[in-house]
Amino acid sequence: MGVPSEGGADRRVGAADFSSVVPRPRTRRMMLDAADHRRLAEFCPRLLGAQYEPGSEPGQEVEPRFIDLVEPATGARLGFQVSENYQRPDWTDHHRVPTQGTSI
């Protein structure tokens, strides 16, 4: 049973509204696997306007295993990691290449 609220929409009688109390989960980092993580990472700052996290910049003496980009306004991170056994996904054959996971 619903009752009209101030905005005219029905609200359930007795239903608790936690929207202002319980924070919504946010994705802070997405990590992508790649055979050539540096090449992929160098494409994304130009596309997204992101910046390299210190230690992830091109030209390091030792190439980092993980490369992180950060979006300055939100702090969201996009990471790239080397995967020696990386196989390009074939979206037409879900049994051939396993789905890559994400880090949240």
PDB file of N, CA and C in Angstrom:
ATOM      1  N   MET A   1       0.848  -1.169   0.000  1.00  0.00           N
ATOM      2  CA  MET A   1       0.000   0.000   0.000  1.00  0.00           C
ATOM      3  C   MET A   1       0.891   1.229   0.000  1.00  0.00           C
ATOM      4  N   GLY A   2       0.665   2.138  -0.924  1.00  0.00           N
ATOM      5  CA  GLY A   2       1.485   3.332  -1.028  1.00  0.00           C
ATOM      6  C   GLY A   2       0.703   4.570  -0.633  1.00  0.00           C
ATOM      7  N   VAL A   3       1.422   5.573  -0.208  1.00  0.00           N
ATOM      8  CA  VAL A   3       0.821   6.870   0.094  1.00  0.00           C
ATOM      9  C   VAL A   3       1.584   7.924  -0.707  1.00  0.00           C
ATOM     10  N   PRO A   4       0.885   8.972  -1.139  1.00  0.00           N
ATOM     11  CA  PRO A   4       1.581  10.004  -1.904  1.00  0.00           C
ATOM     12  C   PRO A   4       2.601  10.729  -1.039  1.00  0.00           C
ATOM     13  N   SER A   5       3.763  10.984  -1.611  1.00  0.00           N
ATOM     14  CA  SER A   5       4.769  11.781  -0.916  1.00  0.00           C
ATOM     15  C   SER A   5       4.703  13.201  -1.456  1.00  0.00           C
ATOM     16  N   GLU A   6       5.574  14.069  -0.970  1.00  0.00           N
ATOM     17  CA  GLU A   6       5.546  15.460  -1.400  1.00  0.00           C
ATOM     18  C   GLU A   6       5.699  15.604  -2.905  1.00  0.00           C
ATOM     19  N   GLY A   7       6.537  14.762  -3.526  1.00  0.00           N
ATOM     20  CA  GLY A   7       6.763  14.846  -4.955  1.00  0.00           C
ATOM     21  C   GLY A   7       5.668  14.192  -5.772  1.00  0.00           C
ATOM     22  N   GLY A   8       4.659  13.613  -5.129  1.00  0.00           N
ATOM     23  CA  GLY A   8       3.567  12.975  -5.836  1.00  0.00           C
ATOM     24  C   GLY A   8       3.768  11.487  -6.065  1.00  0.00           C
ATOM     25  N   ALA A   9       4.985  10.967  -5.847  1.00  0.00           N
ATOM     26  CA  ALA A   9       5.232   9.541  -6.049  1.00  0.00           C
ATOM     27  C   ALA A   9       4.780   8.759  -4.817  1.00  0.00           C
ATOM     28  N   ASP A  10       4.380   7.530  -5.027  1.00  0.00           N
ATOM     29  CA  ASP A  10       3.972   6.677  -3.906  1.00  0.00           C
ATOM     30  C   ASP A  10       5.194   6.212  -3.126  1.00  0.00           C
ATOM     31  N   ARG A  11       5.039   6.140  -1.798  1.00  0.00           N
ATOM     32  CA  ARG A  11       6.052   5.542  -0.930  1.00  0.00           C
ATOM     33  C   ARG A  11       5.381   4.461  -0.121  1.00  0.00           C
ATOM     34  N   ARG A  12       6.091   3.402   0.154  1.00  0.00           N
ATOM     35  CA  ARG A  12       5.523   2.315   0.957  1.00  0.00           C
ATOM     36  C   ARG A  12       5.414   2.739   2.407  1.00  0.00           C
ATOM     37  N   VAL A  13       4.297   2.433   3.000  1.00  0.00           N
ATOM     38  CA  VAL A  13       4.087   2.749   4.406  1.00  0.00           C
ATOM     39  C   VAL A  13       4.986   1.833   5.227  1.00  0.00           C
ATOM     40  N   GLY A  14       5.759   2.420   6.109  1.00  0.00           N
ATOM     41  CA  GLY A  14       6.614   1.637   6.997  1.00  0.00           C
ATOM     42  C   GLY A  14       7.962   1.288   6.396  1.00  0.00           C
ATOM     43  N   ALA A  15       8.195   1.580   5.134  1.00  0.00           N
ATOM     44  CA  ALA A  15       9.482   1.261   4.517  1.00  0.00           C
ATOM     45  C   ALA A  15      10.515   2.294   4.957  1.00  0.00           C
ATOM     46  N   ALA A  16      11.679   1.806   5.383  1.00  0.00           N
ATOM     47  CA  ALA A  16      12.742   2.699   5.835  1.00  0.00           C
ATOM     48  C   ALA A  16      13.470   3.292   4.626  1.00  0.00           C
ATOM     49  N   ASP A  17      13.830   4.553   4.729  1.00  0.00           N
ATOM     50  CA  ASP A  17      14.582   5.215   3.679  1.00  0.00           C
ATOM     51  C   ASP A  17      16.001   5.428   4.184  1.00  0.00           C
ATOM     52  N   PHE A  18      16.924   4.586   3.717  1.00  0.00           N
ATOM     53  CA  PHE A  18      18.312   4.665   4.144  1.00  0.00           C
ATOM     54  C   PHE A  18      19.195   5.373   3.126  1.00  0.00           C
ATOM     55  N   SER A  19      18.604   5.951   2.078  1.00  0.00           N
ATOM     56  CA  SER A  19      19.399   6.530   1.003  1.00  0.00           C
ATOM     57  C   SER A  19      20.324   7.642   1.481  1.00  0.00           C
ATOM     58  N   SER A  20      19.967   8.362   2.518  1.00  0.00           N
ATOM     59  CA  SER A  20      20.836   9.427   3.002  1.00  0.00           C
ATOM     60  C   SER A  20      21.796   8.931   4.082  1.00  0.00           C
ATOM     61  N   VAL A  21      21.610   7.713   4.578  1.00  0.00           N
ATOM     62  CA  VAL A  21      22.427   7.188   5.663  1.00  0.00           C
ATOM     63  C   VAL A  21      23.479   6.209   5.159  1.00  0.00           C
ATOM     64  N   VAL A  22      23.098   5.327   4.262  1.00  0.00           N
ATOM     65  CA  VAL A  22      23.982   4.272   3.782  1.00  0.00           C
ATOM     66  C   VAL A  22      24.672   4.737   2.503  1.00  0.00           C
ATOM     67  N   PRO A  23      25.999   4.837   2.507  1.00  0.00           N
ATOM     68  CA  PRO A  23      26.688   5.278   1.292  1.00  0.00           C
ATOM     69  C   PRO A  23      26.617   4.201   0.208  1.00  0.00           C
ATOM     70  N   ARG A  24      26.532   4.658  -1.021  1.00  0.00           N
ATOM     71  CA  ARG A  24      26.545   3.727  -2.145  1.00  0.00           C
ATOM     72  C   ARG A  24      27.976   3.327  -2.439  1.00  0.00           C
ATOM     73  N   PRO A  25      28.203   2.064  -2.786  1.00  0.00           N
ATOM     74  CA  PRO A  25      29.564   1.657  -3.156  1.00  0.00           C
ATOM     75  C   PRO A  25      29.997   2.368  -4.436  1.00  0.00           C
ATOM     76  N   ARG A  26      31.274   2.729  -4.487  1.00  0.00           N
ATOM     77  CA  ARG A  26      31.825   3.368  -5.675  1.00  0.00           C
ATOM     78  C   ARG A  26      33.030   2.571  -6.151  1.00  0.00           C
ATOM     79  N   THR A  27      33.186   2.481  -7.438  1.00  0.00           N
ATOM     80  CA  THR A  27      34.362   1.837  -8.000  1.00  0.00           C
ATOM     81  C   THR A  27      35.506   2.827  -7.942  1.00  0.00           C
ATOM     82  N   ARG A  28      36.563   2.480  -7.243  1.00  0.00           N
ATOM     83  CA  ARG A  28      37.712   3.373  -7.098  1.00  0.00           C
ATOM     84  C   ARG A  28      38.824   3.019  -8.082  1.00  0.00           C
ATOM     85  N   ARG A  29      38.875   1.763  -8.515  1.00  0.00           N
ATOM     86  CA  ARG A  29      39.934   1.344  -9.428  1.00  0.00           C
ATOM     87  C   ARG A  29      39.423   0.216 -10.313  1.00  0.00           C
ATOM     88  N   MET A  30      39.775   0.306 -11.565  1.00  0.00           N
ATOM     89  CA  MET A  30      39.514  -0.770 -12.519  1.00  0.00           C
ATOM     90  C   MET A  30      40.878  -1.200 -13.041  1.00  0.00           C
ATOM     91  N   MET A  31      41.163  -2.492 -13.011  1.00  0.00           N
ATOM     92  CA  MET A  31      42.455  -3.016 -13.449  1.00  0.00           C
ATOM     93  C   MET A  31      42.229  -3.839 -14.711  1.00  0.00           C
ATOM     94  N   LEU A  32      43.022  -3.558 -15.742  1.00  0.00           N
ATOM     95  CA  LEU A  32      42.914  -4.270 -17.010  1.00  0.00           C
ATOM     96  C   LEU A  32      44.173  -5.088 -17.254  1.00  0.00           C
ATOM     97  N   ASP A  33      44.011  -6.318 -17.703  1.00  0.00           N
ATOM     98  CA  ASP A  33      45.132  -7.159 -18.120  1.00  0.00           C
ATOM     99  C   ASP A  33      45.470  -6.837 -19.565  1.00  0.00           C
ATOM    100  N   ALA A  34      46.746  -6.933 -19.903  1.00  0.00           N
ATOM    101  CA  ALA A  34      47.160  -6.689 -21.280  1.00  0.00           C
ATOM    102  C   ALA A  34      48.506  -7.355 -21.532  1.00  0.00           C
ATOM    103  N   ALA A  35      48.731  -7.757 -22.769  1.00  0.00           N
ATOM    104  CA  ALA A  35      50.035  -8.299 -23.148  1.00  0.00           C
ATOM    105  C   ALA A  35      51.070  -7.171 -23.171  1.00  0.00           C
ATOM    106  N   ASP A  36      50.674  -5.989 -23.624  1.00  0.00           N
ATOM    107  CA  ASP A  36      51.551  -4.809 -23.669  1.00  0.00           C
ATOM    108  C   ASP A  36      50.865  -3.689 -22.881  1.00  0.00           C
ATOM    109  N   HIS A  37      51.018  -3.740 -21.563  1.00  0.00           N
ATOM    110  CA  HIS A  37      50.311  -2.791 -20.704  1.00  0.00           C
ATOM    111  C   HIS A  37      50.772  -1.352 -20.910  1.00  0.00           C
ATOM    112  N   ARG A  38      52.023  -1.140 -21.268  1.00  0.00           N
ATOM    113  CA  ARG A  38      52.508   0.222 -21.487  1.00  0.00           C
ATOM    114  C   ARG A  38      51.825   0.851 -22.706  1.00  0.00           C
ATOM    115  N   ARG A  39      51.707   0.099 -23.781  1.00  0.00           N
ATOM    116  CA  ARG A  39      51.069   0.624 -24.998  1.00  0.00           C
ATOM    117  C   ARG A  39      49.612   1.004 -24.728  1.00  0.00           C
ATOM    118  N   LEU A  40      48.904   0.159 -24.011  1.00  0.00           N
ATOM    119  CA  LEU A  40      47.517   0.451 -23.682  1.00  0.00           C
ATOM    120  C   LEU A  40      47.425   1.660 -22.744  1.00  0.00           C
ATOM    121  N   ALA A  41      48.318   1.718 -21.751  1.00  0.00           N
ATOM    122  CA  ALA A  41      48.302   2.820 -20.788  1.00  0.00           C
ATOM    123  C   ALA A  41      48.630   4.158 -21.451  1.00  0.00           C
ATOM    124  N   GLU A  42      49.487   4.173 -22.443  1.00  0.00           N
ATOM    125  CA  GLU A  42      49.848   5.427 -23.106  1.00  0.00           C
ATOM    126  C   GLU A  42      48.710   5.968 -23.962  1.00  0.00           C
ATOM    127  N   PHE A  43      47.803   5.113 -24.388  1.00  0.00           N
ATOM    128  CA  PHE A  43      46.652   5.539 -25.166  1.00  0.00           C
ATOM    129  C   PHE A  43      45.609   6.250 -24.280  1.00  0.00           C
ATOM    130  N   CYS A  44      45.433   5.775 -23.076  1.00  0.00           N
ATOM    131  CA  CYS A  44      44.320   6.227 -22.226  1.00  0.00           C
ATOM    132  C   CYS A  44      44.428   7.641 -21.670  1.00  0.00           C
ATOM    133  N   PRO A  45      45.598   8.176 -21.295  1.00  0.00           N
ATOM    134  CA  PRO A  45      45.611   9.559 -20.789  1.00  0.00           C
ATOM    135  C   PRO A  45      45.103  10.555 -21.824  1.00  0.00           C
ATOM    136  N   ARG A  46      45.442  10.340 -23.062  1.00  0.00           N
ATOM    137  CA  ARG A  46      44.959  11.239 -24.113  1.00  0.00           C
ATOM    138  C   ARG A  46      43.456  11.108 -24.282  1.00  0.00           C
ATOM    139  N   LEU A  47      42.945   9.925 -24.144  1.00  0.00           N
ATOM    140  CA  LEU A  47      41.518   9.671 -24.317  1.00  0.00           C
ATOM    141  C   LEU A  47      40.700  10.177 -23.132  1.00  0.00           C
ATOM    142  N   LEU A  48      41.176   9.937 -21.911  1.00  0.00           N
ATOM    143  CA  LEU A  48      40.408  10.208 -20.705  1.00  0.00           C
ATOM    144  C   LEU A  48      40.810  11.477 -19.962  1.00  0.00           C
ATOM    145  N   GLY A  49      41.939  12.056 -20.305  1.00  0.00           N
ATOM    146  CA  GLY A  49      42.417  13.209 -19.561  1.00  0.00           C
ATOM    147  C   GLY A  49      42.991  12.833 -18.207  1.00  0.00           C
ATOM    148  N   ALA A  50      43.379  11.585 -18.047  1.00  0.00           N
ATOM    149  CA  ALA A  50      43.945  11.108 -16.778  1.00  0.00           C
ATOM    150  C   ALA A  50      45.442  11.391 -16.736  1.00  0.00           C
ATOM    151  N   GLN A  51      46.010  11.291 -15.545  1.00  0.00           N
ATOM    152  CA  GLN A  51      47.439  11.519 -15.339  1.00  0.00           C
ATOM    153  C   GLN A  51      48.073  10.255 -14.781  1.00  0.00           C
ATOM    154  N   TYR A  52      49.359  10.101 -15.039  1.00  0.00           N
ATOM    155  CA  TYR A  52      50.088   8.952 -14.488  1.00  0.00           C
ATOM    156  C   TYR A  52      50.250   9.108 -12.985  1.00  0.00           C
ATOM    157  N   GLU A  53      50.059   8.016 -12.271  1.00  0.00           N
ATOM    158  CA  GLU A  53      50.375   7.954 -10.841  1.00  0.00           C
ATOM    159  C   GLU A  53      51.898   7.981 -10.732  1.00  0.00           C
ATOM    160  N   PRO A  54      52.483   8.677  -9.738  1.00  0.00           N
ATOM    161  CA  PRO A  54      53.945   8.677  -9.601  1.00  0.00           C
ATOM    162  C   PRO A  54      54.508   7.256  -9.597  1.00  0.00           C
ATOM    163  N   GLY A  55      55.549   7.047 -10.404  1.00  0.00           N
ATOM    164  CA  GLY A  55      56.166   5.730 -10.542  1.00  0.00           C
ATOM    165  C   GLY A  55      55.640   4.946 -11.723  1.00  0.00           C
ATOM    166  N   SER A  56      54.574   5.438 -12.350  1.00  0.00           N
ATOM    167  CA  SER A  56      53.985   4.752 -13.499  1.00  0.00           C
ATOM    168  C   SER A  56      54.307   5.450 -14.823  1.00  0.00           C
ATOM    169  N   GLU A  57      54.991   6.582 -14.761  1.00  0.00           N
ATOM    170  CA  GLU A  57      55.258   7.355 -15.966  1.00  0.00           C
ATOM    171  C   GLU A  57      56.121   6.578 -16.954  1.00  0.00           C
ATOM    172  N   PRO A  58      56.003   6.913 -18.249  1.00  0.00           N
ATOM    173  CA  PRO A  58      56.893   6.295 -19.242  1.00  0.00           C
ATOM    174  C   PRO A  58      58.346   6.691 -18.975  1.00  0.00           C
ATOM    175  N   GLY A  59      59.264   5.840 -19.414  1.00  0.00           N
ATOM    176  CA  GLY A  59      60.688   6.146 -19.283  1.00  0.00           C
ATOM    177  C   GLY A  59      61.304   5.720 -17.968  1.00  0.00           C
ATOM    178  N   GLN A  60      60.637   4.895 -17.195  1.00  0.00           N
ATOM    179  CA  GLN A  60      61.202   4.390 -15.942  1.00  0.00           C
ATOM    180  C   GLN A  60      62.380   3.474 -16.247  1.00  0.00           C
ATOM    181  N   GLU A  61      63.361   3.458 -15.352  1.00  0.00           N
ATOM    182  CA  GLU A  61      64.528   2.596 -15.554  1.00  0.00           C
ATOM    183  C   GLU A  61      64.107   1.128 -15.615  1.00  0.00           C
ATOM    184  N   VAL A  62      63.212   0.763 -14.736  1.00  0.00           N
ATOM    185  CA  VAL A  62      62.647  -0.591 -14.739  1.00  0.00           C
ATOM    186  C   VAL A  62      61.153  -0.441 -14.978  1.00  0.00           C
ATOM    187  N   GLU A  63      60.646  -1.115 -15.987  1.00  0.00           N
ATOM    188  CA  GLU A  63      59.213  -1.024 -16.317  1.00  0.00           C
ATOM    189  C   GLU A  63      58.396  -1.610 -15.165  1.00  0.00           C
ATOM    190  N   PRO A  64      57.466  -0.846 -14.591  1.00  0.00           N
ATOM    191  CA  PRO A  64      56.638  -1.377 -13.500  1.00  0.00           C
ATOM    192  C   PRO A  64      55.684  -2.452 -14.007  1.00  0.00           C
ATOM    193  N   ARG A  65      55.395  -3.408 -13.153  1.00  0.00           N
ATOM    194  CA  ARG A  65      54.444  -4.476 -13.517  1.00  0.00           C
ATOM    195  C   ARG A  65      53.020  -3.917 -13.586  1.00  0.00           C
ATOM    196  N   PHE A  66      52.742  -2.900 -12.791  1.00  0.00           N
ATOM    197  CA  PHE A  66      51.427  -2.246 -12.777  1.00  0.00           C
ATOM    198  C   PHE A  66      51.614  -0.787 -13.166  1.00  0.00           C
ATOM    199  N   ILE A  67      50.726  -0.281 -13.994  1.00  0.00           N
ATOM    200  CA  ILE A  67      50.726   1.126 -14.371  1.00  0.00           C
ATOM    201  C   ILE A  67      49.375   1.686 -13.952  1.00  0.00           C
ATOM    202  N   ASP A  68      49.401   2.780 -13.201  1.00  0.00           N
ATOM    203  CA  ASP A  68      48.166   3.389 -12.732  1.00  0.00           C
ATOM    204  C   ASP A  68      47.997   4.786 -13.304  1.00  0.00           C
ATOM    205  N   LEU A  69      46.771   5.076 -13.740  1.00  0.00           N
ATOM    206  CA  LEU A  69      46.374   6.412 -14.150  1.00  0.00           C
ATOM    207  C   LEU A  69      45.332   6.894 -13.151  1.00  0.00           C
ATOM    208  N   VAL A  70      45.335   8.179 -12.885  1.00  0.00           N
ATOM    209  CA  VAL A  70      44.356   8.741 -11.955  1.00  0.00           C
ATOM    210  C   VAL A  70      43.636   9.903 -12.635  1.00  0.00           C
ATOM    211  N   GLU A  71      42.339   9.963 -12.427  1.00  0.00           N
ATOM    212  CA  GLU A  71      41.520  11.050 -12.951  1.00  0.00           C
ATOM    213  C   GLU A  71      41.517  12.124 -11.869  1.00  0.00           C
ATOM    214  N   PRO A  72      42.097  13.300 -12.154  1.00  0.00           N
ATOM    215  CA  PRO A  72      42.306  14.304 -11.099  1.00  0.00           C
ATOM    216  C   PRO A  72      41.041  14.767 -10.379  1.00  0.00           C
ATOM    217  N   ALA A  73      39.948  14.939 -11.073  1.00  0.00           N
ATOM    218  CA  ALA A  73      38.738  15.489 -10.446  1.00  0.00           C
ATOM    219  C   ALA A  73      38.091  14.524  -9.457  1.00  0.00           C
ATOM    220  N   THR A  74      38.103  13.225  -9.762  1.00  0.00           N
ATOM    221  CA  THR A  74      37.402  12.252  -8.916  1.00  0.00           C
ATOM    222  C   THR A  74      38.327  11.345  -8.124  1.00  0.00           C
ATOM    223  N   GLY A  75      39.594  11.237  -8.539  1.00  0.00           N
ATOM    224  CA  GLY A  75      40.519  10.317  -7.883  1.00  0.00           C
ATOM    225  C   GLY A  75      40.350   8.880  -8.339  1.00  0.00           C
ATOM    226  N   ALA A  76      39.456   8.637  -9.295  1.00  0.00           N
ATOM    227  CA  ALA A  76      39.267   7.272  -9.810  1.00  0.00           C
ATOM    228  C   ALA A  76      40.537   6.828 -10.523  1.00  0.00           C
ATOM    229  N   ARG A  77      40.855   5.550 -10.385  1.00  0.00           N
ATOM    230  CA  ARG A  77      42.082   5.010 -10.972  1.00  0.00           C
ATOM    231  C   ARG A  77      41.767   3.941 -12.014  1.00  0.00           C
ATOM    232  N   LEU A  78      42.587   3.961 -13.063  1.00  0.00           N
ATOM    233  CA  LEU A  78      42.531   2.935 -14.085  1.00  0.00           C
ATOM    234  C   LEU A  78      43.914   2.320 -14.135  1.00  0.00           C
ATOM    235  N   GLY A  79      43.992   1.031 -13.876  1.00  0.00           N
ATOM    236  CA  GLY A  79      45.277   0.346 -13.815  1.00  0.00           C
ATOM    237  C   GLY A  79      45.444  -0.648 -14.947  1.00  0.00           C
ATOM    238  N   PHE A  80      46.694  -0.897 -15.273  1.00  0.00           N
ATOM    239  CA  PHE A  80      47.052  -1.848 -16.319  1.00  0.00           C
ATOM    240  C   PHE A  80      48.117  -2.766 -15.756  1.00  0.00           C
ATOM    241  N   GLN A  81      47.976  -4.052 -16.000  1.00  0.00           N
ATOM    242  CA  GLN A  81      48.968  -4.993 -15.509  1.00  0.00           C
ATOM    243  C   GLN A  81      49.373  -5.959 -16.608  1.00  0.00           C
ATOM    244  N   VAL A  82      50.628  -6.397 -16.518  1.00  0.00           N
ATOM    245  CA  VAL A  82      51.160  -7.355 -17.474  1.00  0.00           C
ATOM    246  C   VAL A  82      50.530  -8.716 -17.211  1.00  0.00           C
ATOM    247  N   SER A  83      50.138  -9.356 -18.275  1.00  0.00           N
ATOM    248  CA  SER A  83      49.652 -10.729 -18.182  1.00  0.00           C
ATOM    249  C   SER A  83      50.356 -11.508 -19.286  1.00  0.00           C
ATOM    250  N   GLU A  84      51.400 -12.255 -18.889  1.00  0.00           N
ATOM    251  CA  GLU A  84      52.211 -12.970 -19.879  1.00  0.00           C
ATOM    252  C   GLU A  84      51.392 -13.946 -20.710  1.00  0.00           C
ATOM    253  N   ASN A  85      50.365 -14.514 -20.132  1.00  0.00           N
ATOM    254  CA  ASN A  85      49.541 -15.503 -20.847  1.00  0.00           C
ATOM    255  C   ASN A  85      48.249 -14.889 -21.365  1.00  0.00           C
ATOM    256  N   TYR A  86      48.244 -13.587 -21.504  1.00  0.00           N
ATOM    257  CA  TYR A  86      47.032 -12.891 -21.950  1.00  0.00           C
ATOM    258  C   TYR A  86      46.622 -13.361 -23.340  1.00  0.00           C
ATOM    259  N   GLN A  87      45.340 -13.641 -23.472  1.00  0.00           N
ATOM    260  CA  GLN A  87      44.755 -13.985 -24.759  1.00  0.00           C
ATOM    261  C   GLN A  87      43.646 -12.980 -25.035  1.00  0.00           C
ATOM    262  N   ARG A  88      43.700 -12.383 -26.194  1.00  0.00           N
ATOM    263  CA  ARG A  88      42.675 -11.426 -26.572  1.00  0.00           C
ATOM    264  C   ARG A  88      41.309 -12.103 -26.512  1.00  0.00           C
ATOM    265  N   PRO A  89      40.328 -11.481 -25.873  1.00  0.00           N
ATOM    266  CA  PRO A  89      39.003 -12.103 -25.780  1.00  0.00           C
ATOM    267  C   PRO A  89      38.364 -12.284 -27.151  1.00  0.00           C
ATOM    268  N   ASP A  90      37.679 -13.388 -27.272  1.00  0.00           N
ATOM    269  CA  ASP A  90      36.887 -13.660 -28.473  1.00  0.00           C
ATOM    270  C   ASP A  90      35.448 -13.709 -27.993  1.00  0.00           C
ATOM    271  N   TRP A  91      34.735 -12.615 -28.182  1.00  0.00           N
ATOM    272  CA  TRP A  91      33.398 -12.494 -27.628  1.00  0.00           C
ATOM    273  C   TRP A  91      32.405 -13.447 -28.270  1.00  0.00           C
ATOM    274  N   THR A  92      32.774 -14.058 -29.387  1.00  0.00           N
ATOM    275  CA  THR A  92      31.864 -15.012 -30.026  1.00  0.00           C
ATOM    276  C   THR A  92      31.998 -16.410 -29.443  1.00  0.00           C
ATOM    277  N   ASP A  93      33.110 -16.693 -28.746  1.00  0.00           N
ATOM    278  CA  ASP A  93      33.339 -18.024 -28.182  1.00  0.00           C
ATOM    279  C   ASP A  93      33.689 -17.889 -26.707  1.00  0.00           C
ATOM    280  N   HIS A  94      32.688 -17.948 -25.838  1.00  0.00           N
ATOM    281  CA  HIS A  94      32.891 -17.741 -24.401  1.00  0.00           C
ATOM    282  C   HIS A  94      33.624 -18.899 -23.728  1.00  0.00           C
ATOM    283  N   HIS A  95      33.756 -20.026 -24.398  1.00  0.00           N
ATOM    284  CA  HIS A  95      34.406 -21.180 -23.771  1.00  0.00           C
ATOM    285  C   HIS A  95      35.907 -21.198 -24.041  1.00  0.00           C
ATOM    286  N   ARG A  96      36.351 -20.490 -25.068  1.00  0.00           N
ATOM    287  CA  ARG A  96      37.768 -20.527 -25.445  1.00  0.00           C
ATOM    288  C   ARG A  96      38.649 -19.681 -24.533  1.00  0.00           C
ATOM    289  N   VAL A  97      38.244 -18.468 -24.228  1.00  0.00           N
ATOM    290  CA  VAL A  97      39.050 -17.569 -23.391  1.00  0.00           C
ATOM    291  C   VAL A  97      38.250 -17.241 -22.131  1.00  0.00           C
ATOM    292  N   PRO A  98      38.828 -17.509 -20.951  1.00  0.00           N
ATOM    293  CA  PRO A  98      38.090 -17.189 -19.731  1.00  0.00           C
ATOM    294  C   PRO A  98      37.900 -15.687 -19.569  1.00  0.00           C
ATOM    295  N   THR A  99      36.821 -15.306 -18.935  1.00  0.00           N
ATOM    296  CA  THR A  99      36.523 -13.903 -18.672  1.00  0.00           C
ATOM    297  C   THR A  99      37.575 -13.351 -17.722  1.00  0.00           C
ATOM    298  N   GLN A 100      38.114 -12.183 -18.035  1.00  0.00           N
ATOM    299  CA  GLN A 100      39.094 -11.537 -17.176  1.00  0.00           C
ATOM    300  C   GLN A 100      38.371 -10.906 -16.001  1.00  0.00           C
ATOM    301  N   GLY A 101      38.980 -10.916 -14.832  1.00  0.00           N
ATOM    302  CA  GLY A 101      38.368 -10.342 -13.646  1.00  0.00           C
ATOM    303  C   GLY A 101      38.688  -8.870 -13.498  1.00  0.00           C
ATOM    304  N   THR A 102      38.031  -8.218 -12.564  1.00  0.00           N
ATOM    305  CA  THR A 102      38.297  -6.824 -12.252  1.00  0.00           C
ATOM    306  C   THR A 102      38.575  -6.684 -10.763  1.00  0.00           C
ATOM    307  N   SER A 103      39.358  -5.682 -10.411  1.00  0.00           N
ATOM    308  CA  SER A 103      39.623  -5.360  -9.004  1.00  0.00           C
ATOM    309  C   SER A 103      38.816  -4.120  -8.650  1.00  0.00           C
ATOM    310  N   ILE A 104      38.084  -4.197  -7.589  1.00  0.00           N
ATOM    311  CA  ILE A 104      37.275  -3.044  -7.168  1.00  0.00           C
ATOM    312  C   ILE A 104      37.774  -2.565  -5.836  1.00  0.00           C
TER     313      ILE A 104
END
